N, C-alpha and C. Protein backbone atom coordinates (compact mmCIF):
# COMPACT_ATOMS: atom_id res chain seq x y z
N MET A 1 211.07 113.13 -3.62
CA MET A 1 212.10 112.22 -3.71
C MET A 1 212.34 110.74 -4.83
N THR A 2 212.68 110.45 -5.74
CA THR A 2 212.45 109.57 -6.30
C THR A 2 213.63 108.46 -5.92
N LEU A 3 213.49 107.06 -6.16
CA LEU A 3 214.72 106.04 -6.10
C LEU A 3 214.64 104.98 -7.41
N ASP A 4 215.43 105.11 -7.84
CA ASP A 4 215.92 104.05 -9.07
C ASP A 4 215.89 102.80 -8.68
N GLU A 5 215.80 101.97 -9.73
CA GLU A 5 215.71 100.29 -9.31
C GLU A 5 217.00 100.12 -8.58
N THR A 6 218.20 100.82 -8.95
CA THR A 6 219.74 100.40 -8.62
C THR A 6 219.51 101.03 -6.87
N ASP A 7 219.00 102.24 -6.49
CA ASP A 7 218.92 102.68 -4.92
C ASP A 7 218.11 101.56 -4.41
N THR A 8 217.04 101.06 -4.94
CA THR A 8 215.85 100.08 -4.31
C THR A 8 216.50 99.05 -3.89
N LYS A 9 217.40 98.53 -4.75
CA LYS A 9 218.01 97.23 -4.78
C LYS A 9 219.25 97.38 -3.43
N ILE A 10 220.09 98.48 -3.48
CA ILE A 10 220.71 98.86 -2.43
C ILE A 10 219.95 98.89 -1.18
N LEU A 11 218.97 99.42 -0.78
CA LEU A 11 218.09 99.90 -0.11
C LEU A 11 217.80 98.45 0.82
N ASP A 12 217.17 98.01 -0.31
CA ASP A 12 216.56 96.43 0.31
C ASP A 12 217.32 95.67 0.65
N ALA A 13 218.97 95.59 0.24
CA ALA A 13 219.85 94.90 0.75
C ALA A 13 220.26 95.12 2.18
N LEU A 14 220.31 96.85 2.21
CA LEU A 14 220.77 97.01 3.51
C LEU A 14 220.16 97.03 4.87
N ILE A 15 218.92 97.21 4.25
CA ILE A 15 217.40 96.86 5.25
C ILE A 15 217.52 95.41 5.74
N ARG A 16 217.84 94.12 5.05
CA ARG A 16 218.21 92.77 5.34
C ARG A 16 219.44 92.71 6.35
N ASP A 17 220.22 93.23 5.93
CA ASP A 17 221.44 93.11 6.24
C ASP A 17 222.38 94.37 6.57
N GLY A 18 222.22 95.12 7.54
CA GLY A 18 223.04 96.58 7.76
C GLY A 18 224.33 96.50 7.25
N ARG A 19 225.11 95.46 7.79
CA ARG A 19 226.35 94.78 7.75
C ARG A 19 226.93 94.29 6.47
N MET A 20 226.05 94.18 5.54
CA MET A 20 226.52 93.55 3.88
C MET A 20 228.01 94.31 3.67
N SER A 21 228.69 93.45 3.07
CA SER A 21 230.07 94.51 2.58
C SER A 21 229.92 94.83 1.49
N LEU A 22 230.65 95.87 0.88
CA LEU A 22 230.16 96.50 -0.32
C LEU A 22 230.48 95.75 -1.41
N LYS A 23 231.39 94.65 -1.34
CA LYS A 23 231.50 93.50 -2.55
C LYS A 23 230.10 92.67 -2.40
N ASP A 24 229.49 92.27 -1.62
CA ASP A 24 228.03 91.73 -1.92
C ASP A 24 227.29 93.03 -2.03
N LEU A 25 227.09 94.03 -1.69
CA LEU A 25 225.82 94.95 -2.03
C LEU A 25 226.27 95.33 -3.54
N ALA A 26 227.62 95.12 -3.93
CA ALA A 26 227.51 95.21 -5.47
C ALA A 26 227.13 94.50 -6.31
N LYS A 27 227.47 93.12 -5.88
CA LYS A 27 226.84 91.75 -6.53
C LYS A 27 225.18 92.08 -6.59
N CYS A 28 224.70 92.38 -5.48
CA CYS A 28 222.99 92.70 -5.37
C CYS A 28 222.71 93.86 -6.36
N ALA A 29 223.25 94.78 -6.43
CA ALA A 29 222.84 95.97 -7.53
C ALA A 29 223.48 95.81 -8.80
N GLY A 30 224.23 95.18 -8.78
CA GLY A 30 225.00 94.78 -10.35
C GLY A 30 225.81 96.40 -10.65
N LEU A 31 226.42 96.64 -9.65
CA LEU A 31 227.59 97.60 -9.89
C LEU A 31 229.13 97.22 -9.29
N SER A 32 230.20 98.25 -9.49
CA SER A 32 231.12 97.90 -8.72
C SER A 32 230.88 98.37 -7.16
N SER A 33 232.19 97.73 -7.05
CA SER A 33 232.37 98.43 -5.27
C SER A 33 232.29 99.99 -5.19
N PRO A 34 233.21 100.53 -5.88
CA PRO A 34 232.92 101.98 -5.85
C PRO A 34 231.88 102.77 -6.34
N GLY A 35 231.06 101.91 -7.18
CA GLY A 35 229.82 102.41 -7.71
C GLY A 35 229.08 102.39 -6.42
N VAL A 36 228.65 101.58 -5.56
CA VAL A 36 227.85 101.52 -4.70
C VAL A 36 228.07 101.92 -3.53
N SER A 37 229.49 102.16 -3.28
CA SER A 37 229.85 103.16 -2.14
C SER A 37 229.20 104.67 -2.53
N GLU A 38 229.53 105.34 -3.66
CA GLU A 38 228.93 106.39 -4.34
C GLU A 38 227.50 106.83 -4.01
N ARG A 39 226.76 105.32 -4.63
CA ARG A 39 225.54 105.44 -4.16
C ARG A 39 224.60 105.78 -2.86
N ILE A 40 225.60 104.72 -2.17
CA ILE A 40 225.45 105.00 -0.65
C ILE A 40 225.53 106.55 0.01
N ARG A 41 226.80 106.85 -0.54
CA ARG A 41 227.04 108.46 0.09
C ARG A 41 225.56 109.46 -0.42
N ARG A 42 225.55 109.25 -1.89
CA ARG A 42 224.45 110.01 -2.58
C ARG A 42 223.06 109.81 -1.51
N LEU A 43 222.64 108.44 -1.15
CA LEU A 43 221.68 108.22 -0.48
C LEU A 43 221.66 109.11 1.18
N GLN A 44 222.84 109.15 1.42
CA GLN A 44 222.97 109.80 2.81
C GLN A 44 222.83 111.29 2.56
N GLU A 45 223.40 111.90 1.56
CA GLU A 45 223.69 113.27 1.54
C GLU A 45 222.17 113.53 1.11
N ARG A 46 221.17 112.69 0.59
CA ARG A 46 219.77 113.56 0.11
C ARG A 46 219.07 112.89 1.21
N GLY A 47 219.32 112.24 2.76
CA GLY A 47 218.50 111.88 3.67
C GLY A 47 217.77 110.61 3.72
N VAL A 48 218.06 109.67 2.62
CA VAL A 48 217.44 108.44 2.68
C VAL A 48 217.66 107.68 3.48
N ILE A 49 219.00 107.59 3.35
CA ILE A 49 219.62 106.85 4.45
C ILE A 49 220.24 107.94 5.38
N LEU A 50 219.43 107.52 6.98
CA LEU A 50 219.99 108.68 7.96
C LEU A 50 221.37 107.95 9.04
N GLY A 51 221.41 106.53 8.69
CA GLY A 51 222.78 105.96 9.65
C GLY A 51 222.47 104.50 9.70
N PHE A 52 223.66 104.22 9.96
CA PHE A 52 223.43 102.99 10.65
C PHE A 52 223.67 102.20 11.71
N SER A 53 222.65 101.29 12.29
CA SER A 53 222.82 100.76 13.71
C SER A 53 222.43 99.59 14.04
N ALA A 54 222.68 99.16 15.37
CA ALA A 54 222.33 97.62 15.51
C ALA A 54 220.69 97.70 16.12
N GLU A 55 220.36 96.47 15.56
CA GLU A 55 218.90 96.17 16.39
C GLU A 55 219.11 95.60 17.73
N ILE A 56 218.66 95.80 18.99
CA ILE A 56 218.53 95.41 19.72
C ILE A 56 217.30 94.67 20.39
N GLU A 57 217.96 93.29 21.12
CA GLU A 57 216.63 92.84 21.83
C GLU A 57 216.56 93.29 23.16
N PRO A 58 215.34 94.25 23.61
CA PRO A 58 215.35 94.39 24.86
C PRO A 58 215.33 93.45 25.68
N LYS A 59 214.60 92.36 26.00
CA LYS A 59 214.63 91.40 26.77
C LYS A 59 215.98 90.47 27.13
N ALA A 60 216.80 90.98 26.00
CA ALA A 60 218.41 90.27 26.14
C ALA A 60 219.12 91.13 27.13
N LEU A 61 218.35 92.47 27.17
CA LEU A 61 219.12 93.52 28.11
C LEU A 61 218.40 93.22 29.54
N GLY A 62 217.45 92.68 29.86
CA GLY A 62 216.75 92.63 31.01
C GLY A 62 215.78 93.54 31.03
N TYR A 63 214.92 94.00 29.88
CA TYR A 63 213.87 94.41 29.49
C TYR A 63 212.54 94.06 29.23
N SER A 64 212.21 93.11 30.31
CA SER A 64 211.08 92.05 30.12
C SER A 64 209.72 92.59 29.49
N LEU A 65 209.55 93.98 29.62
CA LEU A 65 208.19 94.53 29.85
C LEU A 65 208.65 95.74 29.07
N GLN A 66 207.33 96.06 27.87
CA GLN A 66 207.59 97.25 26.84
C GLN A 66 205.94 97.72 27.43
N ALA A 67 206.07 99.19 27.37
CA ALA A 67 204.68 99.66 27.64
C ALA A 67 204.42 100.97 26.79
N ILE A 68 203.10 101.44 25.92
CA ILE A 68 202.57 102.23 25.13
C ILE A 68 202.15 103.08 25.96
N VAL A 69 202.41 104.48 25.84
CA VAL A 69 201.87 105.62 27.03
C VAL A 69 201.43 106.69 26.07
N ARG A 70 200.19 106.86 26.30
CA ARG A 70 199.58 108.20 25.72
C ARG A 70 199.74 109.16 26.68
N ILE A 71 200.18 110.29 26.23
CA ILE A 71 200.58 111.32 27.06
C ILE A 71 199.87 112.64 26.77
N ARG A 72 199.41 113.57 27.72
CA ARG A 72 198.50 114.54 27.20
C ARG A 72 198.89 115.58 28.52
N PRO A 73 199.89 116.66 28.06
CA PRO A 73 200.38 117.42 29.19
C PRO A 73 199.12 118.27 29.48
N LEU A 74 199.54 118.73 31.11
CA LEU A 74 198.66 119.81 31.29
C LEU A 74 198.84 120.91 30.73
N PRO A 75 197.87 121.98 30.65
CA PRO A 75 198.18 123.13 30.00
C PRO A 75 199.42 124.03 30.41
N GLY A 76 200.14 124.58 29.51
CA GLY A 76 201.56 125.28 29.95
C GLY A 76 202.91 124.47 30.18
N LYS A 77 202.50 122.86 30.13
CA LYS A 77 203.34 121.79 30.61
C LYS A 77 203.61 121.16 29.16
N LEU A 78 203.61 121.60 28.06
CA LEU A 78 203.85 120.62 26.72
C LEU A 78 205.52 120.56 26.96
N HIS A 79 206.74 121.60 26.94
CA HIS A 79 207.72 121.89 26.56
C HIS A 79 208.05 121.03 27.83
N ILE A 80 207.85 121.35 29.12
CA ILE A 80 208.22 120.65 30.41
C ILE A 80 208.38 119.05 30.04
N VAL A 81 207.36 118.63 29.82
CA VAL A 81 206.84 117.19 29.38
C VAL A 81 207.67 116.48 28.13
N GLN A 82 207.81 117.29 27.46
CA GLN A 82 208.62 116.87 25.99
C GLN A 82 210.13 116.97 26.64
N GLN A 83 210.89 117.88 27.42
CA GLN A 83 212.08 117.75 27.66
C GLN A 83 212.14 116.62 28.70
N LEU A 84 211.23 116.14 29.58
CA LEU A 84 211.06 115.16 30.77
C LEU A 84 211.05 113.51 29.75
N ILE A 85 210.38 113.44 28.70
CA ILE A 85 210.54 112.74 27.91
C ILE A 85 211.82 112.48 27.45
N GLN A 86 212.67 113.39 26.85
CA GLN A 86 213.69 113.14 26.15
C GLN A 86 214.83 112.43 27.03
N GLU A 87 214.66 113.31 28.58
CA GLU A 87 215.86 112.74 29.54
C GLU A 87 215.46 111.44 29.90
N ILE A 88 214.39 110.82 29.63
CA ILE A 88 214.13 109.36 30.51
C ILE A 88 214.46 108.27 29.79
N PRO A 89 215.69 107.86 29.80
CA PRO A 89 216.07 106.81 28.64
C PRO A 89 215.34 105.66 28.50
N GLU A 90 214.59 105.35 29.34
CA GLU A 90 213.51 103.96 29.38
C GLU A 90 212.62 104.44 27.95
N PHE A 91 212.21 105.64 27.70
CA PHE A 91 211.42 105.98 26.37
C PHE A 91 212.37 105.54 25.33
N CYS A 92 212.01 104.59 24.64
CA CYS A 92 212.70 104.05 23.53
C CYS A 92 211.99 104.84 22.16
N GLU A 93 211.28 105.33 22.22
CA GLU A 93 210.75 106.05 21.16
C GLU A 93 209.53 107.18 21.46
N CYS A 94 209.21 107.93 20.51
CA CYS A 94 207.71 109.00 21.02
C CYS A 94 207.83 109.75 19.96
N ASP A 95 206.42 109.40 19.53
CA ASP A 95 205.96 110.67 18.39
C ASP A 95 205.08 111.53 19.00
N LYS A 96 205.05 113.33 18.32
CA LYS A 96 204.31 114.02 18.89
C LYS A 96 203.20 113.94 17.71
N VAL A 97 201.90 113.90 18.40
CA VAL A 97 200.85 113.68 17.54
C VAL A 97 199.55 114.42 17.13
N THR A 98 198.75 114.41 16.53
CA THR A 98 197.34 115.14 16.73
C THR A 98 196.30 114.48 17.72
N GLY A 99 195.54 115.03 17.70
CA GLY A 99 194.24 114.31 18.50
C GLY A 99 194.56 114.73 19.90
N ASP A 100 194.07 114.13 20.92
CA ASP A 100 193.45 113.99 22.43
C ASP A 100 194.81 114.25 22.92
N ASP A 101 195.65 113.30 22.38
CA ASP A 101 196.83 113.13 23.35
C ASP A 101 197.99 113.83 22.15
N CYS A 102 199.23 114.70 22.93
CA CYS A 102 200.00 115.07 22.28
C CYS A 102 201.44 114.38 22.06
N PHE A 103 201.67 113.25 22.92
CA PHE A 103 202.49 112.28 22.65
C PHE A 103 202.22 110.82 22.81
N ILE A 104 202.80 109.95 21.89
CA ILE A 104 202.51 108.52 22.45
C ILE A 104 203.94 107.99 22.34
N ALA A 105 204.33 107.25 23.33
CA ALA A 105 205.63 106.67 23.65
C ALA A 105 205.64 105.54 23.86
N ARG A 106 206.91 104.74 23.51
CA ARG A 106 207.11 103.16 24.02
C ARG A 106 207.98 103.52 24.85
N LEU A 107 207.96 102.28 25.75
CA LEU A 107 209.23 102.67 27.10
C LEU A 107 209.55 100.88 27.29
N ALA A 108 210.85 100.98 27.44
CA ALA A 108 211.32 99.58 27.59
C ALA A 108 211.84 99.37 29.09
N LEU A 109 211.29 98.10 29.93
CA LEU A 109 211.20 98.39 31.34
C LEU A 109 211.71 96.93 31.93
N PRO A 110 212.39 96.60 32.82
CA PRO A 110 212.48 95.76 33.71
C PRO A 110 211.60 95.12 34.46
N SER A 111 210.56 96.34 34.81
CA SER A 111 209.65 95.61 35.82
C SER A 111 208.39 96.62 35.80
N ILE A 112 206.96 96.61 36.55
CA ILE A 112 206.01 97.09 36.52
C ILE A 112 206.45 98.58 37.43
N GLU A 113 207.41 98.09 38.39
CA GLU A 113 207.62 99.07 39.41
C GLU A 113 208.15 100.40 38.86
N LYS A 114 209.04 99.93 38.01
CA LYS A 114 209.84 100.75 37.27
C LYS A 114 208.90 101.94 36.52
N LEU A 115 208.01 101.37 35.72
CA LEU A 115 207.17 101.96 34.94
C LEU A 115 206.09 102.82 35.82
N ASP A 116 206.17 102.71 37.31
CA ASP A 116 205.11 103.23 38.21
C ASP A 116 206.17 104.83 38.33
N GLY A 117 207.54 104.40 38.61
CA GLY A 117 208.12 105.49 39.03
C GLY A 117 208.81 106.54 37.65
N ILE A 118 208.33 105.98 36.75
CA ILE A 118 208.93 106.95 35.69
C ILE A 118 207.19 107.58 35.71
N LEU A 119 205.97 107.16 35.81
CA LEU A 119 204.69 107.70 35.33
C LEU A 119 204.75 108.70 36.45
N ASP A 120 205.20 108.40 37.20
CA ASP A 120 205.04 109.18 38.89
C ASP A 120 205.99 110.60 38.48
N ARG A 121 207.03 110.21 37.75
CA ARG A 121 207.62 111.71 37.55
C ARG A 121 206.98 112.68 36.62
N ILE A 122 206.08 112.10 35.82
CA ILE A 122 205.23 113.38 34.76
C ILE A 122 203.75 113.45 35.44
N ALA A 123 203.37 113.06 36.51
CA ALA A 123 201.83 112.75 36.68
C ALA A 123 201.46 113.93 37.19
N ASP A 124 202.43 115.21 37.90
CA ASP A 124 202.08 116.44 38.17
C ASP A 124 201.83 117.29 37.02
N LYS A 125 202.42 116.97 35.74
CA LYS A 125 202.48 117.46 34.36
C LYS A 125 201.50 117.24 33.27
N ALA A 126 201.02 116.25 33.45
CA ALA A 126 200.56 115.42 32.13
C ALA A 126 199.66 114.28 32.77
N GLU A 127 198.45 113.91 31.96
CA GLU A 127 197.54 112.67 32.22
C GLU A 127 198.15 111.67 31.03
N THR A 128 198.18 110.66 31.51
CA THR A 128 198.80 109.49 30.97
C THR A 128 197.46 108.14 30.86
N SER A 129 197.99 107.46 29.59
CA SER A 129 197.16 106.25 29.62
C SER A 129 198.09 105.43 28.84
N THR A 130 198.16 104.19 29.76
CA THR A 130 199.12 103.20 29.74
C THR A 130 198.52 101.79 29.32
N SER A 131 199.30 101.22 28.17
CA SER A 131 198.99 99.80 27.76
C SER A 131 200.37 99.10 27.46
N ILE A 132 200.18 97.96 28.18
CA ILE A 132 201.23 96.94 28.16
C ILE A 132 201.27 96.21 26.97
N VAL A 133 202.64 96.19 26.40
CA VAL A 133 202.61 95.57 25.12
C VAL A 133 202.73 93.74 25.38
N LYS A 134 201.83 93.25 24.75
CA LYS A 134 202.02 91.94 25.15
C LYS A 134 202.71 90.97 24.06
N SER A 135 202.98 91.47 22.64
CA SER A 135 203.81 90.72 21.81
C SER A 135 203.79 91.96 20.45
N GLN A 136 204.53 91.75 19.50
CA GLN A 136 204.92 93.01 18.81
C GLN A 136 205.13 92.17 17.29
N PRO A 137 203.80 91.70 16.90
CA PRO A 137 203.54 90.88 15.41
C PRO A 137 204.43 91.77 14.41
N ILE A 138 204.91 92.70 14.36
CA ILE A 138 205.33 93.79 13.54
C ILE A 138 206.25 94.80 13.94
N ARG A 139 207.79 94.19 14.07
CA ARG A 139 208.80 95.22 14.50
C ARG A 139 208.75 96.45 13.83
N ARG A 140 209.25 97.43 14.15
CA ARG A 140 209.46 98.62 12.96
C ARG A 140 210.17 98.46 12.28
N ARG A 141 209.77 98.62 11.13
CA ARG A 141 210.18 98.30 9.72
C ARG A 141 209.92 99.82 8.95
N PRO A 142 210.95 99.78 7.70
CA PRO A 142 210.95 101.15 6.92
C PRO A 142 209.76 101.05 6.04
N PRO A 143 209.09 102.03 5.42
CA PRO A 143 208.17 102.01 4.71
C PRO A 143 208.38 100.99 3.20
N PRO A 144 207.32 100.95 2.62
CA PRO A 144 207.84 100.19 1.32
C PRO A 144 208.66 100.93 0.35
N LEU A 145 209.77 100.40 -0.56
CA LEU A 145 210.34 100.87 -1.06
C LEU A 145 209.77 101.09 -2.46
N VAL A 146 209.61 102.30 -2.98
CA VAL A 146 208.66 102.29 -4.56
C VAL A 146 209.61 102.75 -5.41
N VAL A 147 209.84 102.30 -6.43
CA VAL A 147 210.37 102.77 -7.58
C VAL A 147 209.76 103.56 -8.67
N ASN A 148 210.11 104.79 -8.94
CA ASN A 148 209.11 105.63 -9.57
C ASN A 148 209.66 105.73 -10.95
């Protein structure tokens, strides 16, 4: 799927400020407001823009601890573990991966005790390896926007 220069300008502006007005987006992209609106609609239809959301600071909500957990389900427990991960709200992100582990997940937690409780819920269904996040030099970001 290719993006032209105008699509890239719109996406770049929305990445910087997802609440930017159509008028300001139009100015950035060199289009009219209806033109930008149509471009955004097409980017959504093509699956380039999946949605619009707020970026939240976990610490501001009392989640002072983040952990990365590598999870290896025991034989026959893959689907049970995946369902548990989906049901536990402290799992903020989870990737199903190749290699020794099946899942790599990020949790936001108020305390180490909460981490222990969550890991206890899956301990009889999977092996886990946990790392505590010290800092996040790069927050989740989109891949580079390439114009073809």
